[in-house]
N, C-alpha and C. Protein backbone atom coordinates (compact mmCIF):
# COMPACT_ATOMS: atom_id res chain seq x y z
N UNK A 1 11.63 10.07 -19.76
CA UNK A 1 12.81 9.25 -19.78
C UNK A 1 13.71 9.66 -20.94
N UNK A 2 13.48 10.82 -21.40
CA UNK A 2 14.30 11.39 -22.44
C UNK A 2 14.44 10.41 -23.60
N UNK A 3 15.65 10.10 -24.02
CA UNK A 3 15.85 9.24 -25.19
C UNK A 3 16.34 7.84 -24.84
N UNK A 4 15.93 7.33 -23.71
CA UNK A 4 16.36 5.99 -23.32
C UNK A 4 15.41 4.95 -23.93
N UNK A 5 15.96 3.91 -24.55
CA UNK A 5 15.11 2.85 -25.10
C UNK A 5 14.33 2.13 -24.00
N UNK A 6 13.12 1.71 -24.35
CA UNK A 6 12.25 1.03 -23.39
C UNK A 6 12.93 -0.21 -22.81
N UNK A 7 13.66 -0.94 -23.64
CA UNK A 7 14.33 -2.16 -23.18
C UNK A 7 15.38 -1.80 -22.11
N UNK A 8 16.09 -0.71 -22.31
CA UNK A 8 17.09 -0.27 -21.34
C UNK A 8 16.42 0.08 -20.02
N UNK A 9 15.33 0.81 -20.09
CA UNK A 9 14.59 1.20 -18.88
C UNK A 9 14.07 -0.04 -18.16
N UNK A 10 13.56 -1.00 -18.91
CA UNK A 10 13.05 -2.24 -18.31
C UNK A 10 14.18 -2.98 -17.59
N UNK A 11 15.34 -3.05 -18.22
CA UNK A 11 16.48 -3.73 -17.59
C UNK A 11 16.95 -2.99 -16.34
N UNK A 12 17.00 -1.67 -16.41
CA UNK A 12 17.42 -0.88 -15.25
C UNK A 12 16.40 -1.02 -14.13
N UNK A 13 15.13 -0.97 -14.45
CA UNK A 13 14.07 -1.13 -13.44
C UNK A 13 14.19 -2.48 -12.74
N UNK A 14 14.40 -3.52 -13.53
CA UNK A 14 14.56 -4.87 -12.98
C UNK A 14 15.78 -4.93 -12.04
N UNK A 15 16.88 -4.31 -12.47
CA UNK A 15 18.08 -4.27 -11.64
C UNK A 15 17.83 -3.50 -10.34
N UNK A 16 17.14 -2.37 -10.43
CA UNK A 16 16.84 -1.57 -9.24
C UNK A 16 15.95 -2.34 -8.26
N UNK A 17 14.97 -3.05 -8.77
CA UNK A 17 14.09 -3.84 -7.90
C UNK A 17 14.87 -4.95 -7.20
N UNK A 18 15.80 -5.56 -7.92
CA UNK A 18 16.63 -6.61 -7.33
C UNK A 18 17.52 -6.01 -6.24
N UNK A 19 18.13 -4.86 -6.53
CA UNK A 19 18.98 -4.20 -5.54
C UNK A 19 18.15 -3.76 -4.33
N UNK A 20 16.93 -3.34 -4.56
CA UNK A 20 16.06 -2.92 -3.47
C UNK A 20 15.79 -4.08 -2.51
N UNK A 21 15.52 -5.25 -3.06
CA UNK A 21 15.30 -6.43 -2.22
C UNK A 21 16.56 -6.78 -1.44
N UNK A 22 17.71 -6.71 -2.10
CA UNK A 22 18.98 -7.03 -1.43
C UNK A 22 19.28 -6.05 -0.30
N UNK A 23 19.04 -4.77 -0.55
CA UNK A 23 19.30 -3.75 0.47
C UNK A 23 18.39 -3.97 1.67
N UNK A 24 17.12 -4.24 1.42
CA UNK A 24 16.19 -4.47 2.53
C UNK A 24 16.60 -5.70 3.34
N UNK A 25 17.00 -6.75 2.66
CA UNK A 25 17.44 -7.97 3.34
C UNK A 25 18.69 -7.68 4.18
N UNK A 26 19.66 -6.99 3.59
CA UNK A 26 20.89 -6.66 4.31
C UNK A 26 20.63 -5.74 5.49
N UNK A 27 19.71 -4.81 5.33
CA UNK A 27 19.38 -3.89 6.42
C UNK A 27 18.79 -4.65 7.60
N UNK A 28 17.91 -5.60 7.32
CA UNK A 28 17.34 -6.41 8.39
C UNK A 28 18.42 -7.22 9.10
N UNK A 29 19.35 -7.78 8.34
CA UNK A 29 20.43 -8.57 8.93
C UNK A 29 21.34 -7.71 9.80
N UNK A 30 21.65 -6.50 9.34
CA UNK A 30 22.50 -5.61 10.13
C UNK A 30 21.82 -5.24 11.43
N UNK A 31 20.54 -4.92 11.34
CA UNK A 31 19.80 -4.56 12.56
C UNK A 31 19.70 -5.74 13.52
N UNK A 32 19.51 -6.93 12.97
CA UNK A 32 19.41 -8.13 13.80
C UNK A 32 20.74 -8.46 14.47
N UNK A 33 21.84 -8.23 13.77
CA UNK A 33 23.17 -8.57 14.28
C UNK A 33 23.78 -7.49 15.16
N UNK A 34 23.12 -6.36 15.31
CA UNK A 34 23.64 -5.28 16.15
C UNK A 34 23.63 -5.76 17.60
N UNK A 35 24.80 -5.89 18.24
CA UNK A 35 24.85 -6.44 19.61
C UNK A 35 24.13 -5.56 20.64
N UNK A 36 23.99 -4.29 20.38
CA UNK A 36 23.32 -3.41 21.32
C UNK A 36 21.82 -3.71 21.37
N UNK A 37 21.28 -4.19 20.27
CA UNK A 37 19.86 -4.52 20.23
C UNK A 37 19.59 -5.91 20.77
N UNK A 38 20.64 -6.65 21.05
CA UNK A 38 20.52 -7.99 21.62
C UNK A 38 20.69 -7.87 23.13
N UNK A 39 19.65 -8.01 23.88
CA UNK A 39 19.66 -7.82 25.32
C UNK A 39 20.50 -8.83 26.09
N UNK A 40 20.93 -9.90 25.49
CA UNK A 40 21.67 -10.94 26.22
C UNK A 40 23.06 -10.47 26.65
N UNK A 41 23.61 -9.47 26.02
CA UNK A 41 24.95 -9.02 26.37
C UNK A 41 24.96 -7.92 27.43
N UNK A 42 23.80 -7.42 27.80
CA UNK A 42 23.73 -6.32 28.76
C UNK A 42 24.28 -6.70 30.13
N UNK A 43 24.18 -7.95 30.51
CA UNK A 43 24.61 -8.37 31.84
C UNK A 43 26.07 -8.79 31.89
N UNK A 44 26.76 -8.80 30.78
CA UNK A 44 28.16 -9.21 30.73
C UNK A 44 29.03 -8.11 31.32
N UNK A 45 29.90 -8.48 32.23
CA UNK A 45 30.77 -7.49 32.88
C UNK A 45 32.24 -7.79 32.64
N UNK A 46 32.55 -8.60 31.68
CA UNK A 46 33.94 -8.91 31.38
C UNK A 46 34.66 -7.67 30.86
N UNK A 47 35.95 -7.54 31.18
CA UNK A 47 36.71 -6.40 30.68
C UNK A 47 36.74 -6.39 29.15
N UNK A 48 36.58 -5.23 28.59
CA UNK A 48 36.61 -5.09 27.13
C UNK A 48 35.27 -5.25 26.45
N UNK A 49 34.28 -5.74 27.17
CA UNK A 49 32.97 -5.97 26.56
C UNK A 49 32.34 -4.66 26.10
N UNK A 50 32.44 -3.63 26.94
CA UNK A 50 31.82 -2.35 26.59
C UNK A 50 32.44 -1.75 25.34
N UNK A 51 33.76 -1.82 25.22
CA UNK A 51 34.40 -1.25 24.03
C UNK A 51 34.08 -2.08 22.79
N UNK A 52 34.01 -3.40 22.96
CA UNK A 52 33.63 -4.25 21.83
C UNK A 52 32.21 -3.93 21.40
N UNK A 53 31.30 -3.77 22.36
CA UNK A 53 29.91 -3.43 22.04
C UNK A 53 29.84 -2.10 21.30
N UNK A 54 30.56 -1.11 21.79
CA UNK A 54 30.54 0.21 21.16
C UNK A 54 31.07 0.13 19.73
N UNK A 55 32.15 -0.59 19.53
CA UNK A 55 32.73 -0.72 18.20
C UNK A 55 31.79 -1.47 17.25
N UNK A 56 31.26 -2.59 17.70
CA UNK A 56 30.35 -3.38 16.86
C UNK A 56 29.08 -2.60 16.55
N UNK A 57 28.57 -1.89 17.55
CA UNK A 57 27.37 -1.08 17.34
C UNK A 57 27.67 0.05 16.36
N UNK A 58 28.82 0.67 16.49
CA UNK A 58 29.21 1.75 15.57
C UNK A 58 29.28 1.27 14.13
N UNK A 59 29.85 0.08 13.94
CA UNK A 59 29.90 -0.49 12.57
C UNK A 59 28.50 -0.77 12.05
N UNK A 60 27.63 -1.31 12.91
CA UNK A 60 26.25 -1.61 12.50
C UNK A 60 25.50 -0.34 12.14
N UNK A 61 25.70 0.71 12.92
CA UNK A 61 25.03 1.98 12.64
C UNK A 61 25.52 2.57 11.32
N UNK A 62 26.84 2.53 11.11
CA UNK A 62 27.41 3.07 9.87
C UNK A 62 26.91 2.30 8.65
N UNK A 63 26.96 0.99 8.73
CA UNK A 63 26.50 0.17 7.62
C UNK A 63 25.00 0.35 7.40
N UNK A 64 24.25 0.41 8.48
CA UNK A 64 22.81 0.65 8.37
C UNK A 64 22.52 1.98 7.70
N UNK A 65 23.30 3.00 8.02
CA UNK A 65 23.13 4.31 7.39
C UNK A 65 23.39 4.26 5.89
N UNK A 66 24.46 3.56 5.51
CA UNK A 66 24.76 3.41 4.08
C UNK A 66 23.65 2.66 3.36
N UNK A 67 23.13 1.61 3.98
CA UNK A 67 22.05 0.84 3.37
C UNK A 67 20.78 1.67 3.25
N UNK A 68 20.49 2.48 4.26
CA UNK A 68 19.30 3.36 4.20
C UNK A 68 19.45 4.39 3.09
N UNK A 69 20.66 4.94 2.93
CA UNK A 69 20.89 5.89 1.84
C UNK A 69 20.72 5.22 0.48
N UNK A 70 21.21 3.99 0.37
CA UNK A 70 21.05 3.24 -0.88
C UNK A 70 19.57 2.98 -1.16
N UNK A 71 18.81 2.65 -0.12
CA UNK A 71 17.38 2.40 -0.28
C UNK A 71 16.65 3.65 -0.78
N UNK A 72 17.03 4.80 -0.25
CA UNK A 72 16.41 6.07 -0.68
C UNK A 72 16.76 6.35 -2.14
N UNK A 73 18.02 6.14 -2.52
CA UNK A 73 18.44 6.38 -3.90
C UNK A 73 17.70 5.46 -4.88
N UNK A 74 17.54 4.22 -4.49
CA UNK A 74 16.81 3.26 -5.33
C UNK A 74 15.36 3.66 -5.45
N UNK A 75 14.75 4.03 -4.34
CA UNK A 75 13.34 4.46 -4.35
C UNK A 75 13.17 5.69 -5.25
N UNK A 76 14.09 6.63 -5.17
CA UNK A 76 14.02 7.83 -6.01
C UNK A 76 14.15 7.48 -7.49
N UNK A 77 15.07 6.58 -7.82
CA UNK A 77 15.25 6.18 -9.22
C UNK A 77 14.00 5.47 -9.75
N UNK A 78 13.42 4.60 -8.95
CA UNK A 78 12.18 3.90 -9.38
C UNK A 78 11.03 4.89 -9.55
N UNK A 79 10.98 5.88 -8.67
CA UNK A 79 9.95 6.91 -8.77
C UNK A 79 10.11 7.72 -10.06
N UNK A 80 11.36 8.04 -10.41
CA UNK A 80 11.62 8.78 -11.64
C UNK A 80 11.22 7.96 -12.87
N UNK A 81 11.45 6.65 -12.81
CA UNK A 81 11.04 5.79 -13.92
C UNK A 81 9.52 5.87 -14.08
N UNK A 82 8.79 5.79 -12.96
CA UNK A 82 7.32 5.87 -13.02
C UNK A 82 6.84 7.21 -13.56
N UNK A 83 7.52 8.29 -13.17
CA UNK A 83 7.12 9.64 -13.60
C UNK A 83 7.60 9.98 -15.01
N UNK A 84 8.52 9.18 -15.53
CA UNK A 84 9.05 9.44 -16.86
C UNK A 84 10.18 10.46 -16.88
N UNK A 85 10.81 10.69 -15.74
CA UNK A 85 11.91 11.65 -15.67
C UNK A 85 13.25 10.98 -15.43
N UNK A 86 13.29 9.67 -15.48
CA UNK A 86 14.52 8.93 -15.22
C UNK A 86 15.54 9.26 -16.29
N UNK A 87 16.78 9.48 -15.87
CA UNK A 87 17.86 9.75 -16.82
C UNK A 87 18.12 11.22 -17.04
N UNK A 88 17.36 12.07 -16.37
CA UNK A 88 17.54 13.52 -16.51
C UNK A 88 18.38 14.02 -15.33
N UNK A 89 19.45 14.74 -15.63
CA UNK A 89 20.33 15.27 -14.59
C UNK A 89 19.55 16.27 -13.73
N UNK A 90 19.64 16.09 -12.41
CA UNK A 90 18.92 16.96 -11.49
C UNK A 90 19.51 18.36 -11.41
N UNK A 91 20.72 18.54 -11.91
CA UNK A 91 21.36 19.85 -11.83
C UNK A 91 21.23 20.65 -13.12
N UNK A 92 21.61 20.05 -14.24
CA UNK A 92 21.61 20.79 -15.50
C UNK A 92 20.42 20.46 -16.41
N UNK A 93 19.75 19.34 -16.13
CA UNK A 93 18.57 18.96 -16.91
C UNK A 93 18.87 18.17 -18.17
N UNK A 94 20.15 17.96 -18.46
CA UNK A 94 20.51 17.19 -19.66
C UNK A 94 20.38 15.70 -19.37
N UNK A 95 20.36 14.93 -20.44
CA UNK A 95 20.25 13.48 -20.29
C UNK A 95 21.56 12.91 -19.76
N UNK A 96 21.44 12.02 -18.77
CA UNK A 96 22.60 11.31 -18.24
C UNK A 96 22.96 10.21 -19.23
N UNK A 97 24.24 10.07 -19.50
CA UNK A 97 24.72 9.07 -20.45
C UNK A 97 24.20 7.68 -20.07
N UNK A 98 23.73 6.95 -21.03
CA UNK A 98 23.17 5.61 -20.81
C UNK A 98 24.18 4.69 -20.15
N UNK A 99 25.44 4.76 -20.56
CA UNK A 99 26.46 3.90 -19.95
C UNK A 99 26.61 4.20 -18.46
N UNK A 100 26.49 5.47 -18.09
CA UNK A 100 26.56 5.84 -16.67
C UNK A 100 25.38 5.25 -15.91
N UNK A 101 24.20 5.33 -16.51
CA UNK A 101 23.01 4.80 -15.84
C UNK A 101 23.07 3.27 -15.71
N UNK A 102 23.63 2.62 -16.71
CA UNK A 102 23.77 1.17 -16.63
C UNK A 102 24.78 0.77 -15.56
N UNK A 103 25.83 1.57 -15.40
CA UNK A 103 26.84 1.27 -14.39
C UNK A 103 26.38 1.68 -13.00
N UNK A 104 25.61 2.76 -12.92
CA UNK A 104 25.14 3.28 -11.63
C UNK A 104 23.68 3.73 -11.81
N UNK A 105 22.75 2.80 -11.72
CA UNK A 105 21.34 3.10 -12.01
C UNK A 105 20.69 4.16 -11.12
N UNK A 106 21.32 4.47 -9.99
CA UNK A 106 20.75 5.47 -9.09
C UNK A 106 21.35 6.86 -9.34
N UNK A 107 22.16 7.00 -10.38
CA UNK A 107 22.79 8.29 -10.67
C UNK A 107 21.73 9.36 -10.88
N UNK A 108 21.89 10.47 -10.17
CA UNK A 108 20.95 11.59 -10.29
C UNK A 108 21.58 12.75 -11.06
N UNK A 109 22.90 12.69 -11.26
CA UNK A 109 23.62 13.76 -11.95
C UNK A 109 24.40 13.18 -13.12
N UNK A 110 24.54 13.99 -14.17
CA UNK A 110 25.41 13.59 -15.28
C UNK A 110 26.84 13.62 -14.78
N UNK A 111 27.74 13.06 -15.54
CA UNK A 111 29.13 12.98 -15.12
C UNK A 111 29.74 14.36 -14.93
N UNK A 112 29.42 15.27 -15.81
CA UNK A 112 29.96 16.63 -15.72
C UNK A 112 29.52 17.32 -14.43
N UNK A 113 28.24 17.28 -14.11
CA UNK A 113 27.72 17.91 -12.89
C UNK A 113 28.23 17.19 -11.64
N UNK A 114 28.35 15.89 -11.72
CA UNK A 114 28.86 15.12 -10.59
C UNK A 114 30.31 15.51 -10.30
N UNK A 115 31.10 15.67 -11.35
CA UNK A 115 32.50 16.07 -11.18
C UNK A 115 32.59 17.45 -10.55
N UNK A 116 31.76 18.38 -11.00
CA UNK A 116 31.75 19.73 -10.47
C UNK A 116 31.33 19.72 -8.99
N UNK A 117 30.34 18.92 -8.66
CA UNK A 117 29.84 18.84 -7.28
C UNK A 117 30.90 18.28 -6.35
N UNK A 118 31.64 17.27 -6.81
CA UNK A 118 32.67 16.66 -5.98
C UNK A 118 33.87 17.56 -5.77
N UNK A 119 34.07 18.54 -6.64
CA UNK A 119 35.19 19.47 -6.49
C UNK A 119 34.87 20.56 -5.47
N UNK A 120 33.60 20.85 -5.31
CA UNK A 120 33.20 21.94 -4.38
C UNK A 120 33.39 21.58 -2.93
């Protein structure tokens, strides 16, 4: 964990665990609210129903994908905390600024490497 104080790591870990619970809860709600997974609408033949279903399902799939990506990022950050590698940039190996980690606990890159990656 490079030079991060134990108290900071404890606070970040607590925040990540809270976010993990929220993401899992939201993912279940999105999956439950997806109209395509609800068989009651399959027999509806009103005009516009198919396009509404497609649009609502598309939003649910997109949001579900974002939540799954967030869950993976959180899991990776928690794993790094356990391994003692949390806070190390995956690209250059330098320590990620503590303020960046506090603002975005799942950050895997330092600000410099992140900026370079986004330009490519």
